[in-house]
């Protein structure tokens, strides 16, 4: 149950982070260059949510759970 909670939390953080990264792509349309865009999103805390969420999701997939809920036939 906790793995599902962490997976959904990580997924929600990824959605929030990537939506802000896509939202900040509008800076390119008003004349800023790509270097300024990358520098800008690396300094924004809400863009770090995408990285943190990706790490949480990756850990919930990779780390194996306990075997007490396994079915022995």
N, C-alpha and C. Protein backbone atom coordinates (compact mmCIF):
# COMPACT_ATOMS: atom_id res chain seq x y z
N UNK A 1 0.82 -1.20 0.00
CA UNK A 1 0.00 0.00 0.00
C UNK A 1 0.86 1.26 0.00
N UNK A 2 1.98 1.20 0.71
CA UNK A 2 2.84 2.38 0.75
C UNK A 2 3.54 2.60 -0.59
N UNK A 3 3.81 1.50 -1.32
CA UNK A 3 4.42 1.66 -2.64
C UNK A 3 3.47 2.38 -3.59
N UNK A 4 2.20 2.08 -3.49
CA UNK A 4 1.21 2.76 -4.33
C UNK A 4 1.14 4.24 -3.98
N UNK A 5 1.19 4.54 -2.69
CA UNK A 5 1.17 5.94 -2.25
C UNK A 5 2.38 6.69 -2.78
N UNK A 6 3.58 6.11 -2.64
CA UNK A 6 4.78 6.78 -3.12
C UNK A 6 4.80 6.89 -4.64
N UNK A 7 4.28 5.88 -5.32
CA UNK A 7 4.21 5.95 -6.78
C UNK A 7 3.29 7.08 -7.22
N UNK A 8 2.12 7.18 -6.62
CA UNK A 8 1.19 8.24 -7.00
C UNK A 8 1.70 9.62 -6.61
N UNK A 9 2.38 9.71 -5.47
CA UNK A 9 2.98 10.98 -5.07
C UNK A 9 4.07 11.40 -6.05
N UNK A 10 4.93 10.46 -6.41
CA UNK A 10 5.97 10.76 -7.38
C UNK A 10 5.41 11.14 -8.73
N UNK A 11 4.36 10.43 -9.15
CA UNK A 11 3.73 10.75 -10.43
C UNK A 11 3.11 12.14 -10.40
N UNK A 12 2.49 12.50 -9.29
CA UNK A 12 1.89 13.84 -9.17
C UNK A 12 2.97 14.91 -9.21
N UNK A 13 4.10 14.67 -8.54
CA UNK A 13 5.19 15.64 -8.58
C UNK A 13 5.75 15.78 -9.99
N UNK A 14 5.84 14.66 -10.70
CA UNK A 14 6.32 14.73 -12.08
C UNK A 14 5.38 15.54 -12.96
N UNK A 15 4.10 15.35 -12.79
CA UNK A 15 3.12 16.08 -13.59
C UNK A 15 3.21 17.58 -13.30
N UNK A 16 3.34 17.93 -12.04
CA UNK A 16 3.45 19.34 -11.66
C UNK A 16 4.73 19.94 -12.24
N UNK A 17 5.84 19.24 -12.07
CA UNK A 17 7.12 19.75 -12.54
C UNK A 17 7.18 19.90 -14.04
N UNK A 18 6.74 18.88 -14.77
CA UNK A 18 6.79 18.96 -16.23
C UNK A 18 5.79 19.96 -16.79
N UNK A 19 4.68 20.17 -16.09
CA UNK A 19 3.74 21.18 -16.58
C UNK A 19 4.33 22.58 -16.43
N UNK A 20 5.10 22.82 -15.37
CA UNK A 20 5.76 24.12 -15.24
C UNK A 20 6.88 24.27 -16.27
N UNK A 21 7.61 23.18 -16.55
CA UNK A 21 8.66 23.26 -17.57
C UNK A 21 8.05 23.59 -18.93
N UNK A 22 6.93 22.97 -19.25
CA UNK A 22 6.26 23.26 -20.52
C UNK A 22 5.68 24.67 -20.50
N UNK A 23 5.16 25.09 -19.36
CA UNK A 23 4.61 26.43 -19.25
C UNK A 23 5.69 27.48 -19.47
N UNK A 24 6.88 27.23 -18.95
CA UNK A 24 7.98 28.19 -19.10
C UNK A 24 8.57 28.18 -20.51
N UNK A 25 8.15 27.24 -21.36
CA UNK A 25 8.58 27.28 -22.76
C UNK A 25 8.06 28.53 -23.46
N UNK A 26 7.06 29.17 -22.89
CA UNK A 26 6.54 30.41 -23.48
C UNK A 26 7.57 31.52 -23.45
N UNK A 27 8.60 31.38 -22.63
CA UNK A 27 9.66 32.38 -22.63
C UNK A 27 10.39 32.41 -23.96
N UNK A 28 10.46 31.27 -24.63
CA UNK A 28 11.13 31.22 -25.92
C UNK A 28 10.34 31.97 -26.99
N UNK A 29 9.03 32.01 -26.85
CA UNK A 29 8.21 32.67 -27.86
C UNK A 29 8.26 34.19 -27.75
N UNK A 30 8.66 34.71 -26.60
CA UNK A 30 8.72 36.17 -26.46
C UNK A 30 10.12 36.72 -26.65
N UNK A 31 11.04 35.85 -27.12
CA UNK A 31 12.32 36.37 -27.54
C UNK A 31 13.53 35.95 -26.73
N UNK A 32 13.35 35.21 -25.67
CA UNK A 32 14.50 34.74 -24.91
C UNK A 32 15.15 33.57 -25.63
N UNK A 33 16.47 33.41 -25.44
CA UNK A 33 17.15 32.29 -26.09
C UNK A 33 17.09 31.05 -25.21
N UNK A 34 17.56 29.92 -25.77
CA UNK A 34 17.47 28.64 -25.09
C UNK A 34 18.36 28.59 -23.85
N UNK A 35 19.51 29.24 -23.89
CA UNK A 35 20.40 29.26 -22.72
C UNK A 35 19.75 29.96 -21.54
N UNK A 36 19.04 31.06 -21.79
CA UNK A 36 18.33 31.74 -20.72
C UNK A 36 17.22 30.85 -20.16
N UNK A 37 16.53 30.13 -21.05
CA UNK A 37 15.45 29.23 -20.62
C UNK A 37 15.97 28.13 -19.70
N UNK A 38 17.07 27.49 -20.09
CA UNK A 38 17.64 26.42 -19.26
C UNK A 38 18.13 26.99 -17.94
N UNK A 39 18.76 28.14 -17.97
CA UNK A 39 19.23 28.79 -16.75
C UNK A 39 18.05 29.16 -15.84
N UNK A 40 16.96 29.58 -16.45
CA UNK A 40 15.78 29.97 -15.67
C UNK A 40 15.13 28.77 -14.98
N UNK A 41 14.94 27.67 -15.73
CA UNK A 41 14.24 26.53 -15.12
C UNK A 41 15.13 25.79 -14.12
N UNK A 42 16.43 25.92 -14.22
CA UNK A 42 17.29 25.27 -13.21
C UNK A 42 17.27 26.03 -11.89
N UNK A 43 16.81 27.27 -11.90
CA UNK A 43 16.72 28.04 -10.67
C UNK A 43 15.32 28.07 -10.06
N UNK A 44 14.36 27.43 -10.69
CA UNK A 44 12.99 27.41 -10.17
C UNK A 44 12.73 26.13 -9.38
N UNK A 45 12.20 26.26 -8.18
CA UNK A 45 11.98 25.10 -7.31
C UNK A 45 10.87 24.20 -7.86
N UNK A 46 9.89 24.77 -8.53
CA UNK A 46 8.80 23.93 -9.03
C UNK A 46 9.24 23.05 -10.19
N UNK A 47 10.33 23.39 -10.85
CA UNK A 47 10.86 22.52 -11.90
C UNK A 47 11.64 21.35 -11.32
N UNK A 48 12.11 21.49 -10.10
CA UNK A 48 12.78 20.38 -9.42
C UNK A 48 11.80 19.27 -9.05
N UNK A 49 10.52 19.60 -8.98
CA UNK A 49 9.52 18.59 -8.66
C UNK A 49 9.52 17.45 -9.68
N UNK A 50 9.81 17.77 -10.94
CA UNK A 50 9.84 16.74 -11.98
C UNK A 50 10.96 15.74 -11.70
N UNK A 51 12.11 16.24 -11.30
CA UNK A 51 13.25 15.36 -11.02
C UNK A 51 13.00 14.54 -9.76
N UNK A 52 12.49 15.19 -8.72
CA UNK A 52 12.20 14.49 -7.47
C UNK A 52 11.13 13.42 -7.69
N UNK A 53 10.08 13.76 -8.42
CA UNK A 53 9.02 12.80 -8.72
C UNK A 53 9.52 11.63 -9.54
N UNK A 54 10.41 11.90 -10.51
CA UNK A 54 10.96 10.82 -11.32
C UNK A 54 11.80 9.88 -10.47
N UNK A 55 12.56 10.40 -9.55
CA UNK A 55 13.38 9.56 -8.66
C UNK A 55 12.49 8.71 -7.76
N UNK A 56 11.41 9.29 -7.23
CA UNK A 56 10.50 8.54 -6.37
C UNK A 56 9.83 7.41 -7.14
N UNK A 57 9.36 7.71 -8.35
CA UNK A 57 8.71 6.67 -9.17
C UNK A 57 9.71 5.59 -9.53
N UNK A 58 10.91 5.98 -9.89
CA UNK A 58 11.94 5.00 -10.24
C UNK A 58 12.28 4.10 -9.05
N UNK A 59 12.37 4.68 -7.86
CA UNK A 59 12.67 3.87 -6.68
C UNK A 59 11.54 2.92 -6.33
N UNK A 60 10.30 3.36 -6.50
CA UNK A 60 9.19 2.46 -6.18
C UNK A 60 9.10 1.32 -7.17
N UNK A 61 9.57 1.52 -8.39
CA UNK A 61 9.56 0.44 -9.37
C UNK A 61 10.72 -0.51 -9.15
N UNK A 62 11.89 0.03 -8.83
CA UNK A 62 13.10 -0.79 -8.73
C UNK A 62 13.18 -1.56 -7.42
N UNK A 63 12.90 -0.90 -6.31
CA UNK A 63 13.04 -1.55 -5.00
C UNK A 63 11.95 -2.59 -4.81
N UNK A 64 12.37 -3.78 -4.48
CA UNK A 64 11.40 -4.86 -4.29
C UNK A 64 10.76 -4.75 -2.91
N UNK A 65 9.51 -5.13 -2.85
CA UNK A 65 8.78 -5.11 -1.59
C UNK A 65 9.02 -6.36 -0.78
N UNK A 66 8.39 -6.43 0.36
CA UNK A 66 8.52 -7.62 1.19
C UNK A 66 7.75 -8.77 0.59
N UNK A 67 8.05 -9.97 1.03
CA UNK A 67 7.44 -11.17 0.44
C UNK A 67 6.33 -11.74 1.30
N UNK A 68 5.83 -10.98 2.25
CA UNK A 68 4.79 -11.53 3.11
C UNK A 68 3.44 -11.61 2.41
N UNK A 69 3.26 -10.89 1.32
CA UNK A 69 2.00 -10.92 0.59
C UNK A 69 2.05 -11.84 -0.62
N UNK A 70 3.12 -12.61 -0.75
CA UNK A 70 3.24 -13.51 -1.88
C UNK A 70 2.38 -14.75 -1.68
N UNK A 71 1.85 -15.26 -2.76
CA UNK A 71 1.00 -16.44 -2.71
C UNK A 71 1.86 -17.68 -2.93
N UNK A 72 1.81 -18.63 -2.00
CA UNK A 72 2.56 -19.86 -2.14
C UNK A 72 1.62 -20.98 -2.51
N UNK A 73 1.77 -21.50 -3.70
CA UNK A 73 0.90 -22.59 -4.15
C UNK A 73 1.62 -23.90 -4.16
